[in-house]
Amino acid sequence: MAEDLSYDLSRFKATYFEECAELLAAAEETLARLQDGTPEPDDLNAVFRCVHSIKGGAGAFAFDALVHFAHVFETSMDALRSGRVPLTPATAEILVRGNDIL
């Protein structure tokens, strides 16, 4: 029975990693618009949702370091979304680097 559970868990992890790859690609595409100065109105929210989804899955698998990093990334995104921190080219570059780490 324990072997079956391990197999099922590895399938869920594989699915999670596939979803992460898709979310990171979507975030990268969105962040490119932020970098080149052609953002769409919902871009910051879209990146936030990607990071939030990755964090949620990471929590389910007890990937604590990933959860912590994603939480810090989310907090930064929230400051941008609320206007407490301005979106500058340098800030956009930091977001891209954060996405690469994530």
PDB file of N, CA and C in Angstrom:
ATOM      1  N   MET A   1       0.819  -1.191   0.000  1.00  0.00           N
ATOM      2  CA  MET A   1       0.000   0.000   0.000  1.00  0.00           C
ATOM      3  C   MET A   1       0.865   1.258   0.000  1.00  0.00           C
ATOM      4  N   ALA A   2       1.941   1.250   0.801  1.00  0.00           N
ATOM      5  CA  ALA A   2       2.826   2.422   0.864  1.00  0.00           C
ATOM      6  C   ALA A   2       3.441   2.694  -0.500  1.00  0.00           C
ATOM      7  N   GLU A   3       3.754   1.653  -1.251  1.00  0.00           N
ATOM      8  CA  GLU A   3       4.322   1.828  -2.593  1.00  0.00           C
ATOM      9  C   GLU A   3       3.314   2.506  -3.514  1.00  0.00           C
ATOM     10  N   ASP A   4       2.045   2.133  -3.416  1.00  0.00           N
ATOM     11  CA  ASP A   4       1.003   2.758  -4.224  1.00  0.00           C
ATOM     12  C   ASP A   4       0.883   4.243  -3.898  1.00  0.00           C
ATOM     13  N   LEU A   5       0.964   4.585  -2.623  1.00  0.00           N
ATOM     14  CA  LEU A   5       0.876   5.967  -2.196  1.00  0.00           C
ATOM     15  C   LEU A   5       2.053   6.767  -2.749  1.00  0.00           C
ATOM     16  N   SER A   6       3.244   6.180  -2.699  1.00  0.00           N
ATOM     17  CA  SER A   6       4.439   6.844  -3.227  1.00  0.00           C
ATOM     18  C   SER A   6       4.294   7.087  -4.724  1.00  0.00           C
ATOM     19  N   TYR A   7       3.772   6.121  -5.445  1.00  0.00           N
ATOM     20  CA  TYR A   7       3.562   6.271  -6.884  1.00  0.00           C
ATOM     21  C   TYR A   7       2.557   7.379  -7.158  1.00  0.00           C
ATOM     22  N   ASP A   8       1.451   7.376  -6.411  1.00  0.00           N
ATOM     23  CA  ASP A   8       0.444   8.415  -6.602  1.00  0.00           C
ATOM     24  C   ASP A   8       1.015   9.795  -6.314  1.00  0.00           C
ATOM     25  N   LEU A   9       1.805   9.907  -5.255  1.00  0.00           N
ATOM     26  CA  LEU A   9       2.402  11.182  -4.901  1.00  0.00           C
ATOM     27  C   LEU A   9       3.370  11.646  -5.990  1.00  0.00           C
ATOM     28  N   SER A  10       4.139  10.744  -6.548  1.00  0.00           N
ATOM     29  CA  SER A  10       5.082  11.132  -7.606  1.00  0.00           C
ATOM     30  C   SER A  10       4.329  11.591  -8.851  1.00  0.00           C
ATOM     31  N   ARG A  11       3.185  11.015  -9.125  1.00  0.00           N
ATOM     32  CA  ARG A  11       2.366  11.481 -10.256  1.00  0.00           C
ATOM     33  C   ARG A  11       1.868  12.895 -10.016  1.00  0.00           C
ATOM     34  N   PHE A  12       1.416  13.161  -8.778  1.00  0.00           N
ATOM     35  CA  PHE A  12       0.946  14.510  -8.443  1.00  0.00           C
ATOM     36  C   PHE A  12       2.080  15.518  -8.515  1.00  0.00           C
ATOM     37  N   LYS A  13       3.264  15.118  -8.056  1.00  0.00           N
ATOM     38  CA  LYS A  13       4.426  16.008  -8.138  1.00  0.00           C
ATOM     39  C   LYS A  13       4.764  16.304  -9.596  1.00  0.00           C
ATOM     40  N   ALA A  14       4.726  15.282 -10.432  1.00  0.00           N
ATOM     41  CA  ALA A  14       5.027  15.488 -11.852  1.00  0.00           C
ATOM     42  C   ALA A  14       4.040  16.474 -12.465  1.00  0.00           C
ATOM     43  N   THR A  15       2.783  16.327 -12.123  1.00  0.00           N
ATOM     44  CA  THR A  15       1.765  17.263 -12.619  1.00  0.00           C
ATOM     45  C   THR A  15       2.025  18.665 -12.100  1.00  0.00           C
ATOM     46  N   TYR A  16       2.379  18.767 -10.820  1.00  0.00           N
ATOM     47  CA  TYR A  16       2.688  20.074 -10.227  1.00  0.00           C
ATOM     48  C   TYR A  16       3.864  20.728 -10.964  1.00  0.00           C
ATOM     49  N   PHE A  17       4.907  19.960 -11.230  1.00  0.00           N
ATOM     50  CA  PHE A  17       6.073  20.526 -11.919  1.00  0.00           C
ATOM     51  C   PHE A  17       5.724  20.969 -13.343  1.00  0.00           C
ATOM     52  N   GLU A  18       4.861  20.234 -14.015  1.00  0.00           N
ATOM     53  CA  GLU A  18       4.409  20.639 -15.355  1.00  0.00           C
ATOM     54  C   GLU A  18       3.630  21.955 -15.270  1.00  0.00           C
ATOM     55  N   GLU A  19       2.748  22.045 -14.283  1.00  0.00           N
ATOM     56  CA  GLU A  19       1.972  23.275 -14.102  1.00  0.00           C
ATOM     57  C   GLU A  19       2.888  24.448 -13.760  1.00  0.00           C
ATOM     58  N   CYS A  20       3.895  24.186 -12.931  1.00  0.00           N
ATOM     59  CA  CYS A  20       4.856  25.241 -12.593  1.00  0.00           C
ATOM     60  C   CYS A  20       5.561  25.748 -13.840  1.00  0.00           C
ATOM     61  N   ALA A  21       5.970  24.846 -14.709  1.00  0.00           N
ATOM     62  CA  ALA A  21       6.652  25.254 -15.944  1.00  0.00           C
ATOM     63  C   ALA A  21       5.751  26.155 -16.779  1.00  0.00           C
ATOM     64  N   GLU A  22       4.480  25.804 -16.865  1.00  0.00           N
ATOM     65  CA  GLU A  22       3.530  26.624 -17.626  1.00  0.00           C
ATOM     66  C   GLU A  22       3.324  27.988 -16.962  1.00  0.00           C
ATOM     67  N   LEU A  23       3.189  27.997 -15.640  1.00  0.00           N
ATOM     68  CA  LEU A  23       2.987  29.248 -14.917  1.00  0.00           C
ATOM     69  C   LEU A  23       4.210  30.154 -15.029  1.00  0.00           C
ATOM     70  N   LEU A  24       5.393  29.576 -14.916  1.00  0.00           N
ATOM     71  CA  LEU A  24       6.616  30.366 -15.022  1.00  0.00           C
ATOM     72  C   LEU A  24       6.790  30.941 -16.429  1.00  0.00           C
ATOM     73  N   ALA A  25       6.423  30.170 -17.432  1.00  0.00           N
ATOM     74  CA  ALA A  25       6.496  30.673 -18.814  1.00  0.00           C
ATOM     75  C   ALA A  25       5.519  31.824 -19.018  1.00  0.00           C
ATOM     76  N   ALA A  26       4.326  31.676 -18.480  1.00  0.00           N
ATOM     77  CA  ALA A  26       3.333  32.754 -18.594  1.00  0.00           C
ATOM     78  C   ALA A  26       3.809  34.002 -17.862  1.00  0.00           C
ATOM     79  N   ALA A  27       4.363  33.820 -16.667  1.00  0.00           N
ATOM     80  CA  ALA A  27       4.882  34.958 -15.907  1.00  0.00           C
ATOM     81  C   ALA A  27       6.035  35.619 -16.653  1.00  0.00           C
ATOM     82  N   GLU A  28       6.905  34.822 -17.240  1.00  0.00           N
ATOM     83  CA  GLU A  28       8.043  35.366 -17.994  1.00  0.00           C
ATOM     84  C   GLU A  28       7.567  36.224 -19.166  1.00  0.00           C
ATOM     85  N   GLU A  29       6.565  35.742 -19.867  1.00  0.00           N
ATOM     86  CA  GLU A  29       6.009  36.498 -20.994  1.00  0.00           C
ATOM     87  C   GLU A  29       5.414  37.821 -20.509  1.00  0.00           C
ATOM     88  N   THR A  30       4.701  37.761 -19.413  1.00  0.00           N
ATOM     89  CA  THR A  30       4.092  38.963 -18.846  1.00  0.00           C
ATOM     90  C   THR A  30       5.155  39.929 -18.345  1.00  0.00           C
ATOM     91  N   LEU A  31       6.179  39.403 -17.679  1.00  0.00           N
ATOM     92  CA  LEU A  31       7.251  40.252 -17.166  1.00  0.00           C
ATOM     93  C   LEU A  31       8.026  40.922 -18.303  1.00  0.00           C
ATOM     94  N   ALA A  32       8.107  40.269 -19.446  1.00  0.00           N
ATOM     95  CA  ALA A  32       8.773  40.882 -20.601  1.00  0.00           C
ATOM     96  C   ALA A  32       8.045  42.156 -21.019  1.00  0.00           C
ATOM     97  N   ARG A  33       6.725  42.145 -20.947  1.00  0.00           N
ATOM     98  CA  ARG A  33       5.960  43.363 -21.266  1.00  0.00           C
ATOM     99  C   ARG A  33       6.248  44.459 -20.250  1.00  0.00           C
ATOM    100  N   LEU A  34       6.380  44.069 -18.982  1.00  0.00           N
ATOM    101  CA  LEU A  34       6.697  45.053 -17.948  1.00  0.00           C
ATOM    102  C   LEU A  34       8.079  45.650 -18.195  1.00  0.00           C
ATOM    103  N   GLN A  35       9.010  44.816 -18.629  1.00  0.00           N
ATOM    104  CA  GLN A  35      10.362  45.288 -18.892  1.00  0.00           C
ATOM    105  C   GLN A  35      10.425  46.241 -20.080  1.00  0.00           C
ATOM    106  N   ASP A  36       9.682  45.931 -21.130  1.00  0.00           N
ATOM    107  CA  ASP A  36       9.789  46.768 -22.333  1.00  0.00           C
ATOM    108  C   ASP A  36       8.829  47.951 -22.325  1.00  0.00           C
ATOM    109  N   GLY A  37       8.114  48.118 -21.209  1.00  0.00           N
ATOM    110  CA  GLY A  37       7.266  49.298 -21.063  1.00  0.00           C
ATOM    111  C   GLY A  37       5.931  49.222 -21.771  1.00  0.00           C
ATOM    112  N   THR A  38       5.486  48.016 -22.118  1.00  0.00           N
ATOM    113  CA  THR A  38       4.189  47.863 -22.777  1.00  0.00           C
ATOM    114  C   THR A  38       3.250  46.971 -21.965  1.00  0.00           C
ATOM    115  N   PRO A  39       3.135  47.243 -20.658  1.00  0.00           N
ATOM    116  CA  PRO A  39       2.287  46.369 -19.839  1.00  0.00           C
ATOM    117  C   PRO A  39       0.810  46.531 -20.155  1.00  0.00           C
ATOM    118  N   GLU A  40       0.094  45.468 -19.898  1.00  0.00           N
ATOM    119  CA  GLU A  40      -1.356  45.495 -19.979  1.00  0.00           C
ATOM    120  C   GLU A  40      -1.878  45.747 -18.563  1.00  0.00           C
ATOM    121  N   PRO A  41      -3.089  46.260 -18.432  1.00  0.00           N
ATOM    122  CA  PRO A  41      -3.597  46.638 -17.103  1.00  0.00           C
ATOM    123  C   PRO A  41      -3.540  45.524 -16.051  1.00  0.00           C
ATOM    124  N   ASP A  42      -3.747  44.291 -16.424  1.00  0.00           N
ATOM    125  CA  ASP A  42      -3.823  43.207 -15.443  1.00  0.00           C
ATOM    126  C   ASP A  42      -2.508  42.440 -15.275  1.00  0.00           C
ATOM    127  N   ASP A  43      -1.403  42.929 -15.877  1.00  0.00           N
ATOM    128  CA  ASP A  43      -0.154  42.168 -15.850  1.00  0.00           C
ATOM    129  C   ASP A  43       0.373  41.896 -14.443  1.00  0.00           C
ATOM    130  N   LEU A  44       0.365  42.883 -13.571  1.00  0.00           N
ATOM    131  CA  LEU A  44       0.860  42.650 -12.209  1.00  0.00           C
ATOM    132  C   LEU A  44       0.012  41.608 -11.493  1.00  0.00           C
ATOM    133  N   ASN A  45      -1.296  41.671 -11.696  1.00  0.00           N
ATOM    134  CA  ASN A  45      -2.181  40.672 -11.086  1.00  0.00           C
ATOM    135  C   ASN A  45      -1.912  39.281 -11.652  1.00  0.00           C
ATOM    136  N   ALA A  46      -1.632  39.206 -12.942  1.00  0.00           N
ATOM    137  CA  ALA A  46      -1.380  37.911 -13.577  1.00  0.00           C
ATOM    138  C   ALA A  46      -0.117  37.263 -13.011  1.00  0.00           C
ATOM    139  N   VAL A  47       0.939  38.053 -12.851  1.00  0.00           N
ATOM    140  CA  VAL A  47       2.173  37.509 -12.285  1.00  0.00           C
ATOM    141  C   VAL A  47       1.930  37.091 -10.837  1.00  0.00           C
ATOM    142  N   PHE A  48       1.215  37.911 -10.095  1.00  0.00           N
ATOM    143  CA  PHE A  48       0.889  37.571  -8.703  1.00  0.00           C
ATOM    144  C   PHE A  48       0.172  36.225  -8.642  1.00  0.00           C
ATOM    145  N   ARG A  49      -0.792  36.019  -9.513  1.00  0.00           N
ATOM    146  CA  ARG A  49      -1.557  34.758  -9.501  1.00  0.00           C
ATOM    147  C   ARG A  49      -0.658  33.562  -9.822  1.00  0.00           C
ATOM    148  N   CYS A  50       0.275  33.734 -10.745  1.00  0.00           N
ATOM    149  CA  CYS A  50       1.213  32.647 -11.061  1.00  0.00           C
ATOM    150  C   CYS A  50       2.035  32.273  -9.831  1.00  0.00           C
ATOM    151  N   VAL A  51       2.600  33.279  -9.184  1.00  0.00           N
ATOM    152  CA  VAL A  51       3.417  33.041  -7.996  1.00  0.00           C
ATOM    153  C   VAL A  51       2.578  32.411  -6.886  1.00  0.00           C
ATOM    154  N   HIS A  52       1.367  32.902  -6.715  1.00  0.00           N
ATOM    155  CA  HIS A  52       0.473  32.377  -5.692  1.00  0.00           C
ATOM    156  C   HIS A  52       0.143  30.896  -5.947  1.00  0.00           C
ATOM    157  N   SER A  53      -0.098  30.551  -7.181  1.00  0.00           N
ATOM    158  CA  SER A  53      -0.409  29.155  -7.519  1.00  0.00           C
ATOM    159  C   SER A  53       0.784  28.245  -7.259  1.00  0.00           C
ATOM    160  N   ILE A  54       1.963  28.706  -7.612  1.00  0.00           N
ATOM    161  CA  ILE A  54       3.173  27.916  -7.372  1.00  0.00           C
ATOM    162  C   ILE A  54       3.372  27.733  -5.868  1.00  0.00           C
ATOM    163  N   LYS A  55       3.153  28.788  -5.106  1.00  0.00           N
ATOM    164  CA  LYS A  55       3.309  28.712  -3.655  1.00  0.00           C
ATOM    165  C   LYS A  55       2.321  27.715  -3.053  1.00  0.00           C
ATOM    166  N   GLY A  56       1.089  27.743  -3.508  1.00  0.00           N
ATOM    167  CA  GLY A  56       0.083  26.825  -2.978  1.00  0.00           C
ATOM    168  C   GLY A  56       0.449  25.371  -3.193  1.00  0.00           C
ATOM    169  N   GLY A  57       0.882  25.046  -4.390  1.00  0.00           N
ATOM    170  CA  GLY A  57       1.297  23.672  -4.671  1.00  0.00           C
ATOM    171  C   GLY A  57       2.523  23.274  -3.877  1.00  0.00           C
ATOM    172  N   ALA A  58       3.448  24.219  -3.737  1.00  0.00           N
ATOM    173  CA  ALA A  58       4.668  23.933  -2.973  1.00  0.00           C
ATOM    174  C   ALA A  58       4.325  23.610  -1.525  1.00  0.00           C
ATOM    175  N   GLY A  59       3.337  24.300  -0.995  1.00  0.00           N
ATOM    176  CA  GLY A  59       2.905  24.021   0.372  1.00  0.00           C
ATOM    177  C   GLY A  59       2.324  22.629   0.513  1.00  0.00           C
ATOM    178  N   ALA A  60       1.600  22.205  -0.498  1.00  0.00           N
ATOM    179  CA  ALA A  60       0.992  20.873  -0.455  1.00  0.00           C
ATOM    180  C   ALA A  60       2.051  19.769  -0.409  1.00  0.00           C
ATOM    181  N   PHE A  61       3.220  20.036  -0.990  1.00  0.00           N
ATOM    182  CA  PHE A  61       4.296  19.039  -1.007  1.00  0.00           C
ATOM    183  C   PHE A  61       5.382  19.334   0.030  1.00  0.00           C
ATOM    184  N   ALA A  62       5.136  20.311   0.887  1.00  0.00           N
ATOM    185  CA  ALA A  62       6.077  20.690   1.948  1.00  0.00           C
ATOM    186  C   ALA A  62       7.427  21.143   1.383  1.00  0.00           C
ATOM    187  N   PHE A  63       7.394  21.847   0.262  1.00  0.00           N
ATOM    188  CA  PHE A  63       8.608  22.450  -0.294  1.00  0.00           C
ATOM    189  C   PHE A  63       8.785  23.805   0.395  1.00  0.00           C
ATOM    190  N   ASP A  64       9.245  23.754   1.631  1.00  0.00           N
ATOM    191  CA  ASP A  64       9.241  24.928   2.500  1.00  0.00           C
ATOM    192  C   ASP A  64      10.061  26.098   1.961  1.00  0.00           C
ATOM    193  N   ALA A  65      11.223  25.832   1.417  1.00  0.00           N
ATOM    194  CA  ALA A  65      12.054  26.918   0.881  1.00  0.00           C
ATOM    195  C   ALA A  65      11.344  27.611  -0.279  1.00  0.00           C
ATOM    196  N   LEU A  66      10.690  26.837  -1.114  1.00  0.00           N
ATOM    197  CA  LEU A  66       9.949  27.401  -2.237  1.00  0.00           C
ATOM    198  C   LEU A  66       8.762  28.226  -1.738  1.00  0.00           C
ATOM    199  N   VAL A  67       8.067  27.721  -0.738  1.00  0.00           N
ATOM    200  CA  VAL A  67       6.945  28.460  -0.156  1.00  0.00           C
ATOM    201  C   VAL A  67       7.439  29.800   0.388  1.00  0.00           C
ATOM    202  N   HIS A  68       8.549  29.780   1.100  1.00  0.00           N
ATOM    203  CA  HIS A  68       9.084  31.014   1.689  1.00  0.00           C
ATOM    204  C   HIS A  68       9.458  32.017   0.599  1.00  0.00           C
ATOM    205  N   PHE A  69      10.194  31.568  -0.415  1.00  0.00           N
ATOM    206  CA  PHE A  69      10.596  32.484  -1.481  1.00  0.00           C
ATOM    207  C   PHE A  69       9.373  33.030  -2.212  1.00  0.00           C
ATOM    208  N   ALA A  70       8.430  32.162  -2.536  1.00  0.00           N
ATOM    209  CA  ALA A  70       7.219  32.600  -3.238  1.00  0.00           C
ATOM    210  C   ALA A  70       6.434  33.600  -2.394  1.00  0.00           C
ATOM    211  N   HIS A  71       6.434  33.417  -1.084  1.00  0.00           N
ATOM    212  CA  HIS A  71       5.724  34.359  -0.206  1.00  0.00           C
ATOM    213  C   HIS A  71       6.370  35.744  -0.277  1.00  0.00           C
ATOM    214  N   VAL A  72       7.691  35.793  -0.258  1.00  0.00           N
ATOM    215  CA  VAL A  72       8.394  37.075  -0.365  1.00  0.00           C
ATOM    216  C   VAL A  72       8.102  37.700  -1.734  1.00  0.00           C
ATOM    217  N   PHE A  73       8.124  36.894  -2.781  1.00  0.00           N
ATOM    218  CA  PHE A  73       7.825  37.367  -4.142  1.00  0.00           C
ATOM    219  C   PHE A  73       6.401  37.925  -4.178  1.00  0.00           C
ATOM    220  N   GLU A  74       5.458  37.188  -3.611  1.00  0.00           N
ATOM    221  CA  GLU A  74       4.060  37.630  -3.553  1.00  0.00           C
ATOM    222  C   GLU A  74       3.918  38.967  -2.835  1.00  0.00           C
ATOM    223  N   THR A  75       4.608  39.098  -1.720  1.00  0.00           N
ATOM    224  CA  THR A  75       4.549  40.335  -0.939  1.00  0.00           C
ATOM    225  C   THR A  75       5.063  41.508  -1.765  1.00  0.00           C
ATOM    226  N   SER A  76       6.126  41.282  -2.499  1.00  0.00           N
ATOM    227  CA  SER A  76       6.662  42.320  -3.390  1.00  0.00           C
ATOM    228  C   SER A  76       5.667  42.672  -4.481  1.00  0.00           C
ATOM    229  N   MET A  77       5.053  41.654  -5.049  1.00  0.00           N
ATOM    230  CA  MET A  77       4.058  41.889  -6.099  1.00  0.00           C
ATOM    231  C   MET A  77       2.866  42.668  -5.543  1.00  0.00           C
ATOM    232  N   ASP A  78       2.484  42.356  -4.320  1.00  0.00           N
ATOM    233  CA  ASP A  78       1.365  43.053  -3.703  1.00  0.00           C
ATOM    234  C   ASP A  78       1.689  44.538  -3.514  1.00  0.00           C
ATOM    235  N   ALA A  79       2.925  44.843  -3.143  1.00  0.00           N
ATOM    236  CA  ALA A  79       3.337  46.248  -2.990  1.00  0.00           C
ATOM    237  C   ALA A  79       3.274  46.977  -4.339  1.00  0.00           C
ATOM    238  N   LEU A  80       3.616  46.300  -5.398  1.00  0.00           N
ATOM    239  CA  LEU A  80       3.517  46.897  -6.743  1.00  0.00           C
ATOM    240  C   LEU A  80       2.060  47.076  -7.150  1.00  0.00           C
ATOM    241  N   ARG A  81       1.249  46.048  -6.893  1.00  0.00           N
ATOM    242  CA  ARG A  81      -0.160  46.114  -7.295  1.00  0.00           C
ATOM    243  C   ARG A  81      -0.893  47.236  -6.579  1.00  0.00           C
ATOM    244  N   SER A  82      -0.528  47.480  -5.332  1.00  0.00           N
ATOM    245  CA  SER A  82      -1.214  48.515  -4.558  1.00  0.00           C
ATOM    246  C   SER A  82      -0.672  49.908  -4.838  1.00  0.00           C
ATOM    247  N   GLY A  83       0.451  49.996  -5.540  1.00  0.00           N
ATOM    248  CA  GLY A  83       1.049  51.291  -5.832  1.00  0.00           C
ATOM    249  C   GLY A  83       1.991  51.794  -4.749  1.00  0.00           C
ATOM    250  N   ARG A  84       2.202  50.997  -3.693  1.00  0.00           N
ATOM    251  CA  ARG A  84       3.132  51.412  -2.636  1.00  0.00           C
ATOM    252  C   ARG A  84       4.564  51.456  -3.158  1.00  0.00           C
ATOM    253  N   VAL A  85       4.853  50.631  -4.156  1.00  0.00           N
ATOM    254  CA  VAL A  85       6.167  50.602  -4.799  1.00  0.00           C
ATOM    255  C   VAL A  85       5.932  50.844  -6.286  1.00  0.00           C
ATOM    256  N   PRO A  86       6.681  51.791  -6.881  1.00  0.00           N
ATOM    257  CA  PRO A  86       6.479  52.066  -8.311  1.00  0.00           C
ATOM    258  C   PRO A  86       7.136  50.985  -9.183  1.00  0.00           C
ATOM    259  N   LEU A  87       6.536  50.748 -10.307  1.00  0.00           N
ATOM    260  CA  LEU A  87       7.113  49.817 -11.270  1.00  0.00           C
ATOM    261  C   LEU A  87       8.091  50.591 -12.143  1.00  0.00           C
ATOM    262  N   THR A  88       9.351  50.308 -11.967  1.00  0.00           N
ATOM    263  CA  THR A  88      10.413  50.949 -12.744  1.00  0.00           C
ATOM    264  C   THR A  88      11.114  49.876 -13.566  1.00  0.00           C
ATOM    265  N   PRO A  89      11.958  50.262 -14.525  1.00  0.00           N
ATOM    266  CA  PRO A  89      12.729  49.243 -15.264  1.00  0.00           C
ATOM    267  C   PRO A  89      13.581  48.372 -14.331  1.00  0.00           C
ATOM    268  N   ALA A  90      14.172  48.983 -13.315  1.00  0.00           N
ATOM    269  CA  ALA A  90      14.987  48.208 -12.372  1.00  0.00           C
ATOM    270  C   ALA A  90      14.122  47.215 -11.587  1.00  0.00           C
ATOM    271  N   THR A  91      12.939  47.639 -11.191  1.00  0.00           N
ATOM    272  CA  THR A  91      12.022  46.756 -10.469  1.00  0.00           C
ATOM    273  C   THR A  91      11.590  45.599 -11.367  1.00  0.00           C
ATOM    274  N   ALA A  92      11.292  45.907 -12.619  1.00  0.00           N
ATOM    275  CA  ALA A  92      10.895  44.856 -13.562  1.00  0.00           C
ATOM    276  C   ALA A  92      12.022  43.835 -13.730  1.00  0.00           C
ATOM    277  N   GLU A  93      13.261  44.303 -13.763  1.00  0.00           N
ATOM    278  CA  GLU A  93      14.407  43.396 -13.889  1.00  0.00           C
ATOM    279  C   GLU A  93      14.521  42.497 -12.660  1.00  0.00           C
ATOM    280  N   ILE A  94      14.280  43.040 -11.492  1.00  0.00           N
ATOM    281  CA  ILE A  94      14.316  42.229 -10.272  1.00  0.00           C
ATOM    282  C   ILE A  94      13.217  41.173 -10.300  1.00  0.00           C
ATOM    283  N   LEU A  95      12.050  41.537 -10.806  1.00  0.00           N
ATOM    284  CA  LEU A  95      10.958  40.567 -10.914  1.00  0.00           C
ATOM    285  C   LEU A  95      11.335  39.422 -11.857  1.00  0.00           C
ATOM    286  N   VAL A  96      11.988  39.761 -12.952  1.00  0.00           N
ATOM    287  CA  VAL A  96      12.431  38.723 -13.899  1.00  0.00           C
ATOM    288  C   VAL A  96      13.415  37.772 -13.202  1.00  0.00           C
ATOM    289  N   ARG A  97      14.339  38.340 -12.464  1.00  0.00           N
ATOM    290  CA  ARG A  97      15.313  37.503 -11.738  1.00  0.00           C
ATOM    291  C   ARG A  97      14.602  36.647 -10.698  1.00  0.00           C
ATOM    292  N   GLY A  98      13.615  37.211 -10.010  1.00  0.00           N
ATOM    293  CA  GLY A  98      12.843  36.441  -9.047  1.00  0.00           C
ATOM    294  C   GLY A  98      12.109  35.279  -9.700  1.00  0.00           C
ATOM    295  N   ASN A  99      11.561  35.542 -10.879  1.00  0.00           N
ATOM    296  CA  ASN A  99      10.864  34.485 -11.619  1.00  0.00           C
ATOM    297  C   ASN A  99      11.843  33.381 -12.012  1.00  0.00           C
ATOM    298  N   ASP A 100      13.064  33.768 -12.394  1.00  0.00           N
ATOM    299  CA  ASP A 100      14.081  32.776 -12.734  1.00  0.00           C
ATOM    300  C   ASP A 100      14.417  31.899 -11.526  1.00  0.00           C
ATOM    301  N   ILE A 101      14.515  32.506 -10.357  1.00  0.00           N
ATOM    302  CA  ILE A 101      14.819  31.749  -9.132  1.00  0.00           C
ATOM    303  C   ILE A 101      13.647  30.833  -8.783  1.00  0.00           C
ATOM    304  N   LEU A 102      12.446  31.352  -8.903  1.00  0.00           N
ATOM    305  CA  LEU A 102      11.254  30.586  -8.580  1.00  0.00           C
ATOM    306  C   LEU A 102      11.187  29.336  -9.436  1.00  0.00           C
TER     307      LEU A 102
END
